[in-house]
Amino acid sequence: MHASFQCSRHRLQVYTRIDQPQTALEQYSQAASRQEGQIDMLLGQARVYDALNDLEQGVKLYKQVLHLYNFASVNSSV
């Protein structure tokens, strides 16, 4: 895994753990736009929305994660 990706992911997990969900969501959004297709970033966002009881946004992101995962699985088996 790329070092900057690991740093981003770790920083985002810290924001989530220190109970700063809005900051975590902003950072996840920025990271996801820079690293499009990163399932971890979308999954992290979904988990924060889930923790905030924003089920509509959480489910929307979980569906995107499943779509990307299925797409990656199909492409890796070809």
Protein backbone atom coordinates (compact mmCIF):
# COMPACT_ATOMS: atom_id res chain seq x y z
CA MET A 1 0.00 0.00 0.00
CA HIS A 2 1.24 3.48 -0.80
CA ALA A 3 2.66 5.41 2.21
CA SER A 4 0.51 8.54 1.72
CA PHE A 5 -2.60 6.38 1.54
CA GLN A 6 -1.69 4.68 4.81
CA CYS A 7 -1.07 8.07 6.47
CA SER A 8 -4.40 9.39 5.23
CA ARG A 9 -6.24 6.33 6.45
CA HIS A 10 -4.58 6.48 9.87
CA ARG A 11 -5.32 10.21 10.26
CA LEU A 12 -8.97 9.62 9.36
CA GLN A 13 -9.28 6.83 11.88
CA VAL A 14 -7.90 9.15 14.55
CA TYR A 15 -10.52 11.83 13.78
CA THR A 16 -13.20 9.19 14.09
CA ARG A 17 -11.86 7.84 17.38
CA ILE A 18 -11.52 11.26 19.03
CA ASP A 19 -15.17 11.94 18.30
CA GLN A 20 -14.78 14.50 15.54
CA PRO A 21 -17.08 12.94 12.94
CA GLN A 22 -17.62 16.10 10.86
CA THR A 23 -13.87 16.57 10.47
CA ALA A 24 -13.53 12.89 9.64
CA LEU A 25 -16.24 13.14 6.97
CA GLU A 26 -14.60 16.21 5.39
CA GLN A 27 -11.23 14.48 5.34
CA TYR A 28 -12.68 11.21 4.00
CA SER A 29 -14.40 13.16 1.24
CA GLN A 30 -11.18 14.92 0.26
CA ALA A 31 -9.17 11.70 0.39
CA ALA A 32 -11.79 9.82 -1.65
CA SER A 33 -11.67 12.48 -4.36
CA ARG A 34 -7.86 12.25 -4.55
CA GLN A 35 -7.84 8.45 -4.46
CA GLU A 36 -10.92 7.58 -6.45
CA GLY A 37 -12.02 4.00 -6.21
CA GLN A 38 -10.45 3.41 -2.81
CA ILE A 39 -12.92 1.16 -1.09
CA ASP A 40 -11.39 1.90 2.33
CA MET A 41 -12.17 5.61 2.03
CA LEU A 42 -15.79 5.02 1.08
CA LEU A 43 -16.19 2.39 3.75
CA GLY A 44 -14.78 4.77 6.35
CA GLN A 45 -17.25 7.46 5.32
CA ALA A 46 -20.12 4.98 5.48
CA ARG A 47 -19.13 3.93 8.99
CA VAL A 48 -19.03 7.54 10.21
CA TYR A 49 -22.46 8.22 8.74
CA ASP A 50 -23.69 5.02 10.35
CA ALA A 51 -22.31 6.15 13.72
CA LEU A 52 -24.11 9.49 13.27
CA ASN A 53 -27.36 7.59 12.57
CA ASP A 54 -27.52 9.04 9.06
CA LEU A 55 -28.62 5.73 7.63
CA GLU A 56 -29.56 7.12 4.21
CA GLN A 57 -26.03 8.40 3.53
CA GLY A 58 -24.45 5.34 5.11
CA VAL A 59 -26.44 2.90 2.99
CA LYS A 60 -25.70 4.93 -0.15
CA LEU A 61 -21.95 4.64 0.51
CA TYR A 62 -22.15 0.96 1.50
CA LYS A 63 -23.83 0.31 -1.87
CA GLN A 64 -20.99 2.13 -3.66
CA VAL A 65 -18.49 -0.01 -1.76
CA LEU A 66 -20.29 -3.20 -2.81
CA HIS A 67 -20.41 -2.02 -6.42
CA LEU A 68 -16.67 -1.25 -6.45
CA TYR A 69 -15.87 -4.53 -4.71
CA ASN A 70 -17.93 -6.52 -7.20
CA PHE A 71 -16.35 -4.63 -10.11
CA ALA A 72 -12.87 -5.33 -8.75
CA SER A 73 -13.70 -9.00 -8.23
CA VAL A 74 -14.99 -9.41 -11.77
CA ASN A 75 -11.94 -7.69 -13.27
CA SER A 76 -9.50 -9.74 -11.22
CA SER A 77 -11.05 -13.02 -12.35
CA VAL A 78 -10.85 -12.17 -16.06
